[in-house]
Amino acid sequence: MKKYARVVEGKVDNIFETVNPITEEFPAGQLWVDITGTVNSQVDYGYNAVNTDGVWSFNSGFPWPQSVLGEQMRNEKVRRLDNVMASVASSGLQFKVDLGVATAAEQAYLTAFKEYCVAFGQVNKQPGFPVTIAWPQLP
């Protein structure tokens, strides 16, 4: 899995992780910088992005270590996803499906849950992200 930061007008406006080439995920003409392996706090939404002789550096614009928008995004993502993940994990739903003892309704719910997780991981592909987000609906 690789992690990328999109740079627009000298600022990070999107962060995306994928196993695919970033050019397969987003339209051509966007500036994406590979930030795989960087510490999470080194690159965040709204950070300044500077290219010096082909080497990218990112900073928050001291004294704030993380952007407010980035923190809000992480909190909202955790809040929305954690409840569903806990519910599915505690029900043993995946185990029931794996063992062939799940009902048709349980199998359908697990499929819907997986689709939800995929959609959740794609919210930063939406036009207007990160200012406006249409969060996926819970299954």
N, C-alpha and C. Protein backbone atom coordinates (compact mmCIF):
# COMPACT_ATOMS: atom_id res chain seq x y z
N MET A 1 0.85 -1.17 0.00
CA MET A 1 0.00 0.00 0.00
C MET A 1 0.90 1.23 0.00
N LYS A 2 0.59 2.15 -0.89
CA LYS A 2 1.33 3.41 -0.96
C LYS A 2 0.44 4.54 -0.48
N LYS A 3 1.06 5.57 0.06
CA LYS A 3 0.33 6.73 0.56
C LYS A 3 0.80 7.96 -0.21
N TYR A 4 -0.17 8.76 -0.65
CA TYR A 4 0.13 9.94 -1.46
C TYR A 4 -0.53 11.17 -0.86
N ALA A 5 0.10 12.32 -1.11
CA ALA A 5 -0.48 13.62 -0.75
C ALA A 5 -0.67 14.40 -2.04
N ARG A 6 -1.87 14.96 -2.22
CA ARG A 6 -2.11 15.82 -3.38
C ARG A 6 -1.77 17.24 -2.98
N VAL A 7 -0.99 17.91 -3.84
CA VAL A 7 -0.57 19.27 -3.56
C VAL A 7 -1.28 20.20 -4.53
N VAL A 8 -1.97 21.20 -3.97
CA VAL A 8 -2.65 22.22 -4.76
C VAL A 8 -2.25 23.58 -4.19
N GLU A 9 -1.68 24.42 -5.03
CA GLU A 9 -1.27 25.75 -4.62
C GLU A 9 -0.38 25.72 -3.38
N GLY A 10 0.55 24.77 -3.36
CA GLY A 10 1.53 24.69 -2.28
C GLY A 10 1.02 24.12 -0.97
N LYS A 11 -0.19 23.54 -0.98
CA LYS A 11 -0.76 22.97 0.25
C LYS A 11 -1.25 21.55 -0.01
N VAL A 12 -1.21 20.72 1.01
CA VAL A 12 -1.76 19.37 0.93
C VAL A 12 -3.28 19.49 1.07
N ASP A 13 -4.00 19.05 0.03
CA ASP A 13 -5.46 19.13 0.12
C ASP A 13 -6.12 17.77 0.12
N ASN A 14 -5.33 16.69 -0.04
CA ASN A 14 -5.89 15.34 -0.04
C ASN A 14 -4.78 14.37 0.31
N ILE A 15 -5.14 13.31 1.02
CA ILE A 15 -4.22 12.22 1.34
C ILE A 15 -4.94 10.94 0.98
N PHE A 16 -4.26 10.05 0.24
CA PHE A 16 -4.93 8.85 -0.27
C PHE A 16 -3.97 7.67 -0.23
N GLU A 17 -4.47 6.52 0.18
CA GLU A 17 -3.69 5.28 0.19
C GLU A 17 -4.26 4.31 -0.83
N THR A 18 -3.39 3.65 -1.58
CA THR A 18 -3.84 2.71 -2.60
C THR A 18 -2.72 1.73 -2.95
N VAL A 19 -3.13 0.57 -3.47
CA VAL A 19 -2.15 -0.37 -4.02
C VAL A 19 -1.98 -0.14 -5.52
N ASN A 20 -2.91 0.61 -6.11
CA ASN A 20 -2.85 0.93 -7.53
C ASN A 20 -1.97 2.15 -7.76
N PRO A 21 -1.48 2.32 -8.98
CA PRO A 21 -0.79 3.58 -9.29
C PRO A 21 -1.79 4.73 -9.08
N ILE A 22 -1.33 5.83 -8.52
CA ILE A 22 -2.22 6.95 -8.21
C ILE A 22 -2.88 7.48 -9.47
N THR A 23 -2.23 7.32 -10.62
CA THR A 23 -2.81 7.79 -11.89
C THR A 23 -4.03 6.96 -12.29
N GLU A 24 -4.20 5.78 -11.72
CA GLU A 24 -5.40 4.97 -11.98
C GLU A 24 -6.55 5.38 -11.07
N GLU A 25 -6.24 6.07 -9.99
CA GLU A 25 -7.25 6.44 -9.01
C GLU A 25 -7.84 7.84 -9.25
N PHE A 26 -7.02 8.74 -9.81
CA PHE A 26 -7.44 10.14 -9.99
C PHE A 26 -7.10 10.59 -11.40
N PRO A 27 -7.78 11.63 -11.88
CA PRO A 27 -7.52 12.14 -13.23
C PRO A 27 -6.09 12.64 -13.39
N ALA A 28 -5.60 12.60 -14.61
CA ALA A 28 -4.26 13.10 -14.92
C ALA A 28 -4.23 14.61 -14.67
N GLY A 29 -3.05 15.12 -14.48
CA GLY A 29 -2.89 16.55 -14.31
C GLY A 29 -2.88 17.00 -12.86
N GLN A 30 -3.09 16.08 -11.93
CA GLN A 30 -3.03 16.44 -10.52
C GLN A 30 -1.63 16.12 -9.99
N LEU A 31 -1.17 16.89 -9.05
CA LEU A 31 0.16 16.68 -8.47
C LEU A 31 0.05 15.85 -7.20
N TRP A 32 0.49 14.60 -7.31
CA TRP A 32 0.49 13.70 -6.16
C TRP A 32 1.93 13.38 -5.79
N VAL A 33 2.24 13.43 -4.50
CA VAL A 33 3.58 13.15 -3.99
C VAL A 33 3.50 11.89 -3.15
N ASP A 34 4.39 10.94 -3.45
CA ASP A 34 4.44 9.69 -2.69
C ASP A 34 5.00 10.01 -1.30
N ILE A 35 4.20 9.75 -0.27
CA ILE A 35 4.63 10.00 1.12
C ILE A 35 4.66 8.69 1.91
N THR A 36 4.74 7.57 1.20
CA THR A 36 4.81 6.27 1.84
C THR A 36 5.99 6.25 2.80
N GLY A 37 5.76 5.76 3.99
CA GLY A 37 6.84 5.62 4.95
C GLY A 37 7.06 6.84 5.83
N THR A 38 6.37 7.92 5.55
CA THR A 38 6.52 9.08 6.43
C THR A 38 5.68 8.88 7.68
N VAL A 39 6.07 9.49 8.74
CA VAL A 39 5.32 9.44 9.99
C VAL A 39 4.04 10.24 9.79
N ASN A 40 2.91 9.72 10.31
CA ASN A 40 1.61 10.38 10.11
C ASN A 40 1.64 11.86 10.41
N SER A 41 2.35 12.28 11.44
CA SER A 41 2.34 13.69 11.83
C SER A 41 3.19 14.56 10.90
N GLN A 42 3.94 13.96 9.98
CA GLN A 42 4.79 14.74 9.09
C GLN A 42 4.02 15.34 7.92
N VAL A 43 2.88 14.78 7.56
CA VAL A 43 2.08 15.28 6.44
C VAL A 43 0.62 15.23 6.86
N ASP A 44 -0.07 16.36 6.69
CA ASP A 44 -1.48 16.42 7.07
C ASP A 44 -2.19 17.38 6.14
N TYR A 45 -3.51 17.34 6.15
CA TYR A 45 -4.32 18.26 5.36
C TYR A 45 -3.95 19.70 5.71
N GLY A 46 -3.78 20.52 4.69
CA GLY A 46 -3.48 21.92 4.90
C GLY A 46 -2.01 22.23 5.12
N TYR A 47 -1.17 21.21 5.19
CA TYR A 47 0.26 21.45 5.38
C TYR A 47 0.85 22.14 4.15
N ASN A 48 1.88 22.94 4.37
CA ASN A 48 2.63 23.54 3.28
C ASN A 48 3.47 22.45 2.62
N ALA A 49 3.55 22.48 1.29
CA ALA A 49 4.35 21.51 0.54
C ALA A 49 5.36 22.27 -0.30
N VAL A 50 6.63 21.94 -0.13
CA VAL A 50 7.70 22.65 -0.82
C VAL A 50 8.59 21.63 -1.52
N ASN A 51 8.85 21.87 -2.80
CA ASN A 51 9.74 21.02 -3.57
C ASN A 51 11.06 21.76 -3.74
N THR A 52 12.11 21.22 -3.15
CA THR A 52 13.44 21.81 -3.25
C THR A 52 14.34 20.80 -3.96
N ASP A 53 14.69 21.13 -5.20
CA ASP A 53 15.55 20.26 -6.00
C ASP A 53 15.04 18.83 -6.07
N GLY A 54 13.72 18.67 -6.24
CA GLY A 54 13.12 17.36 -6.40
C GLY A 54 12.79 16.64 -5.11
N VAL A 55 13.08 17.26 -3.97
CA VAL A 55 12.79 16.66 -2.67
C VAL A 55 11.66 17.44 -2.02
N TRP A 56 10.59 16.73 -1.69
CA TRP A 56 9.42 17.36 -1.08
C TRP A 56 9.57 17.42 0.42
N SER A 57 9.17 18.56 0.99
CA SER A 57 9.09 18.68 2.44
C SER A 57 7.72 19.27 2.78
N PHE A 58 7.25 18.92 3.95
CA PHE A 58 5.91 19.33 4.40
C PHE A 58 6.04 19.92 5.79
N ASN A 59 5.30 20.99 6.04
CA ASN A 59 5.28 21.53 7.39
C ASN A 59 3.93 22.15 7.68
N SER A 60 3.63 22.22 8.94
CA SER A 60 2.31 22.65 9.39
C SER A 60 2.17 24.16 9.46
N GLY A 61 3.26 24.87 9.33
CA GLY A 61 3.20 26.30 9.54
C GLY A 61 3.21 26.57 11.03
N PHE A 62 4.25 26.13 11.71
CA PHE A 62 4.45 26.27 13.15
C PHE A 62 3.63 27.43 13.68
N PRO A 63 2.99 27.32 14.83
CA PRO A 63 3.26 26.37 15.90
C PRO A 63 2.28 25.21 15.97
N TRP A 64 1.37 25.05 15.02
CA TRP A 64 0.35 24.00 15.12
C TRP A 64 0.87 22.71 14.51
N PRO A 65 0.97 21.63 15.30
CA PRO A 65 1.56 20.38 14.80
C PRO A 65 0.67 19.65 13.81
N GLN A 66 -0.66 19.79 13.92
CA GLN A 66 -1.56 19.14 12.98
C GLN A 66 -2.67 20.12 12.63
N SER A 67 -3.16 20.00 11.40
CA SER A 67 -4.20 20.92 10.98
C SER A 67 -5.53 20.58 11.66
N VAL A 68 -6.33 21.59 11.86
CA VAL A 68 -7.65 21.40 12.46
C VAL A 68 -8.51 20.54 11.55
N LEU A 69 -8.46 20.82 10.24
CA LEU A 69 -9.25 20.05 9.28
C LEU A 69 -8.84 18.58 9.30
N GLY A 70 -7.54 18.31 9.33
CA GLY A 70 -7.07 16.93 9.38
C GLY A 70 -7.55 16.20 10.63
N GLU A 71 -7.50 16.90 11.75
CA GLU A 71 -7.96 16.30 13.00
C GLU A 71 -9.47 16.04 12.96
N GLN A 72 -10.23 16.96 12.42
CA GLN A 72 -11.67 16.77 12.28
C GLN A 72 -11.97 15.57 11.38
N MET A 73 -11.23 15.45 10.28
CA MET A 73 -11.43 14.33 9.34
C MET A 73 -11.16 13.00 10.04
N ARG A 74 -10.06 12.91 10.76
CA ARG A 74 -9.73 11.66 11.45
C ARG A 74 -10.78 11.32 12.50
N ASN A 75 -11.20 12.31 13.28
CA ASN A 75 -12.21 12.05 14.32
C ASN A 75 -13.53 11.58 13.72
N GLU A 76 -13.97 12.23 12.65
CA GLU A 76 -15.23 11.84 12.01
C GLU A 76 -15.13 10.44 11.42
N LYS A 77 -14.02 10.16 10.78
CA LYS A 77 -13.82 8.83 10.17
C LYS A 77 -13.85 7.74 11.24
N VAL A 78 -13.14 7.98 12.33
CA VAL A 78 -13.11 7.01 13.43
C VAL A 78 -14.50 6.83 14.02
N ARG A 79 -15.20 7.93 14.25
CA ARG A 79 -16.53 7.85 14.84
C ARG A 79 -17.47 7.03 13.97
N ARG A 80 -17.47 7.29 12.67
CA ARG A 80 -18.39 6.61 11.77
C ARG A 80 -18.04 5.14 11.57
N LEU A 81 -16.77 4.85 11.40
CA LEU A 81 -16.37 3.48 11.06
C LEU A 81 -16.26 2.56 12.28
N ASP A 82 -15.80 3.08 13.40
CA ASP A 82 -15.60 2.24 14.58
C ASP A 82 -16.87 1.55 15.05
N ASN A 83 -17.99 2.26 15.05
CA ASN A 83 -19.25 1.67 15.51
C ASN A 83 -19.65 0.48 14.66
N VAL A 84 -19.53 0.62 13.34
CA VAL A 84 -19.91 -0.47 12.45
C VAL A 84 -18.92 -1.62 12.57
N MET A 85 -17.65 -1.32 12.64
CA MET A 85 -16.63 -2.37 12.76
C MET A 85 -16.84 -3.18 14.04
N ALA A 86 -17.11 -2.50 15.13
CA ALA A 86 -17.32 -3.18 16.41
C ALA A 86 -18.55 -4.07 16.35
N SER A 87 -19.59 -3.60 15.70
CA SER A 87 -20.82 -4.37 15.60
C SER A 87 -20.60 -5.65 14.79
N VAL A 88 -19.93 -5.54 13.67
CA VAL A 88 -19.69 -6.71 12.82
C VAL A 88 -18.74 -7.68 13.52
N ALA A 89 -17.69 -7.15 14.14
CA ALA A 89 -16.72 -8.02 14.83
C ALA A 89 -17.37 -8.76 15.99
N SER A 90 -18.19 -8.07 16.77
CA SER A 90 -18.78 -8.71 17.95
C SER A 90 -19.83 -9.76 17.58
N SER A 91 -20.42 -9.64 16.41
CA SER A 91 -21.45 -10.61 16.00
C SER A 91 -20.84 -11.88 15.41
N GLY A 92 -19.53 -11.85 15.13
CA GLY A 92 -18.91 -13.02 14.52
C GLY A 92 -19.40 -13.27 13.11
N LEU A 93 -19.90 -12.24 12.47
CA LEU A 93 -20.53 -12.38 11.15
C LEU A 93 -19.58 -12.98 10.11
N GLN A 94 -18.35 -12.49 10.06
CA GLN A 94 -17.40 -13.03 9.08
C GLN A 94 -17.15 -14.51 9.34
N PHE A 95 -17.06 -14.89 10.62
CA PHE A 95 -16.84 -16.30 10.95
C PHE A 95 -18.02 -17.15 10.51
N LYS A 96 -19.23 -16.66 10.72
CA LYS A 96 -20.43 -17.41 10.29
C LYS A 96 -20.41 -17.64 8.79
N VAL A 97 -20.07 -16.61 8.04
CA VAL A 97 -20.02 -16.75 6.58
C VAL A 97 -18.91 -17.72 6.19
N ASP A 98 -17.73 -17.58 6.80
CA ASP A 98 -16.60 -18.46 6.50
C ASP A 98 -16.93 -19.93 6.79
N LEU A 99 -17.70 -20.17 7.85
CA LEU A 99 -18.03 -21.54 8.25
C LEU A 99 -19.27 -22.08 7.54
N GLY A 100 -19.94 -21.22 6.77
CA GLY A 100 -21.11 -21.65 6.03
C GLY A 100 -22.36 -21.79 6.87
N VAL A 101 -22.41 -21.11 8.02
CA VAL A 101 -23.58 -21.19 8.89
C VAL A 101 -24.37 -19.88 8.93
N ALA A 102 -23.99 -18.92 8.12
CA ALA A 102 -24.69 -17.63 8.09
C ALA A 102 -25.99 -17.76 7.30
N THR A 103 -26.99 -17.03 7.73
CA THR A 103 -28.25 -16.97 6.98
C THR A 103 -28.04 -16.11 5.74
N ALA A 104 -29.00 -16.15 4.83
CA ALA A 104 -28.93 -15.31 3.63
C ALA A 104 -28.89 -13.83 4.02
N ALA A 105 -29.65 -13.46 5.03
CA ALA A 105 -29.66 -12.06 5.49
C ALA A 105 -28.30 -11.66 6.05
N GLU A 106 -27.67 -12.55 6.80
CA GLU A 106 -26.34 -12.25 7.36
C GLU A 106 -25.31 -12.13 6.24
N GLN A 107 -25.39 -13.00 5.24
CA GLN A 107 -24.47 -12.91 4.11
C GLN A 107 -24.65 -11.60 3.36
N ALA A 108 -25.90 -11.20 3.16
CA ALA A 108 -26.20 -9.94 2.47
C ALA A 108 -25.68 -8.75 3.27
N TYR A 109 -25.86 -8.81 4.60
CA TYR A 109 -25.37 -7.71 5.44
C TYR A 109 -23.85 -7.59 5.37
N LEU A 110 -23.16 -8.74 5.40
CA LEU A 110 -21.70 -8.70 5.33
C LEU A 110 -21.24 -8.12 4.00
N THR A 111 -21.91 -8.47 2.92
CA THR A 111 -21.58 -7.90 1.61
C THR A 111 -21.82 -6.39 1.63
N ALA A 112 -22.94 -5.97 2.18
CA ALA A 112 -23.24 -4.53 2.28
C ALA A 112 -22.21 -3.82 3.15
N PHE A 113 -21.78 -4.47 4.22
CA PHE A 113 -20.77 -3.90 5.09
C PHE A 113 -19.45 -3.71 4.34
N LYS A 114 -19.06 -4.70 3.56
CA LYS A 114 -17.82 -4.60 2.80
C LYS A 114 -17.92 -3.48 1.76
N GLU A 115 -19.08 -3.35 1.12
CA GLU A 115 -19.28 -2.25 0.16
C GLU A 115 -19.19 -0.91 0.87
N TYR A 116 -19.73 -0.83 2.09
CA TYR A 116 -19.65 0.38 2.90
C TYR A 116 -18.19 0.73 3.18
N CYS A 117 -17.40 -0.26 3.56
CA CYS A 117 -15.99 -0.02 3.87
C CYS A 117 -15.23 0.48 2.64
N VAL A 118 -15.53 -0.10 1.48
CA VAL A 118 -14.89 0.36 0.24
C VAL A 118 -15.29 1.80 -0.05
N ALA A 119 -16.58 2.10 0.04
CA ALA A 119 -17.06 3.46 -0.20
C ALA A 119 -16.45 4.44 0.81
N PHE A 120 -16.30 3.99 2.04
CA PHE A 120 -15.72 4.83 3.08
C PHE A 120 -14.28 5.20 2.75
N GLY A 121 -13.56 4.24 2.19
CA GLY A 121 -12.17 4.49 1.80
C GLY A 121 -12.03 5.36 0.58
N GLN A 122 -13.13 5.62 -0.11
CA GLN A 122 -13.10 6.41 -1.33
C GLN A 122 -13.64 7.83 -1.16
N VAL A 123 -13.99 8.23 0.06
CA VAL A 123 -14.61 9.55 0.24
C VAL A 123 -13.71 10.67 -0.25
N ASN A 124 -12.40 10.49 -0.18
CA ASN A 124 -11.53 11.57 -0.62
C ASN A 124 -11.33 11.62 -2.13
N LYS A 125 -12.13 10.85 -2.86
CA LYS A 125 -12.18 10.97 -4.32
C LYS A 125 -13.35 11.85 -4.76
N GLN A 126 -14.16 12.26 -3.82
CA GLN A 126 -15.35 13.05 -4.14
C GLN A 126 -14.97 14.48 -4.51
N PRO A 127 -15.69 15.05 -5.48
CA PRO A 127 -15.46 16.47 -5.78
C PRO A 127 -15.79 17.30 -4.53
N GLY A 128 -14.98 18.29 -4.27
CA GLY A 128 -15.22 19.13 -3.11
C GLY A 128 -14.58 18.64 -1.83
N PHE A 129 -13.97 17.45 -1.86
CA PHE A 129 -13.29 16.93 -0.67
C PHE A 129 -12.10 17.83 -0.38
N PRO A 130 -11.76 18.18 0.82
CA PRO A 130 -12.32 17.74 2.10
C PRO A 130 -13.38 18.68 2.66
N VAL A 131 -13.69 19.75 1.94
CA VAL A 131 -14.64 20.72 2.48
C VAL A 131 -16.04 20.13 2.57
N THR A 132 -16.47 19.43 1.51
CA THR A 132 -17.77 18.77 1.54
C THR A 132 -17.59 17.28 1.31
N ILE A 133 -18.28 16.50 2.11
CA ILE A 133 -18.17 15.04 2.01
C ILE A 133 -19.56 14.43 2.10
N ALA A 134 -19.86 13.53 1.19
CA ALA A 134 -21.08 12.73 1.28
C ALA A 134 -20.66 11.37 1.85
N TRP A 135 -20.84 11.20 3.14
CA TRP A 135 -20.43 9.96 3.79
C TRP A 135 -21.35 8.82 3.31
N PRO A 136 -20.80 7.62 3.14
CA PRO A 136 -21.65 6.49 2.75
C PRO A 136 -22.66 6.17 3.84
N GLN A 137 -23.76 5.60 3.44
CA GLN A 137 -24.82 5.25 4.39
C GLN A 137 -24.50 3.90 5.05
N LEU A 138 -24.78 3.83 6.34
CA LEU A 138 -24.57 2.57 7.07
C LEU A 138 -25.47 1.48 6.49
N PRO A 139 -24.94 0.26 6.44
CA PRO A 139 -25.78 -0.84 5.94
C PRO A 139 -26.89 -1.17 6.93
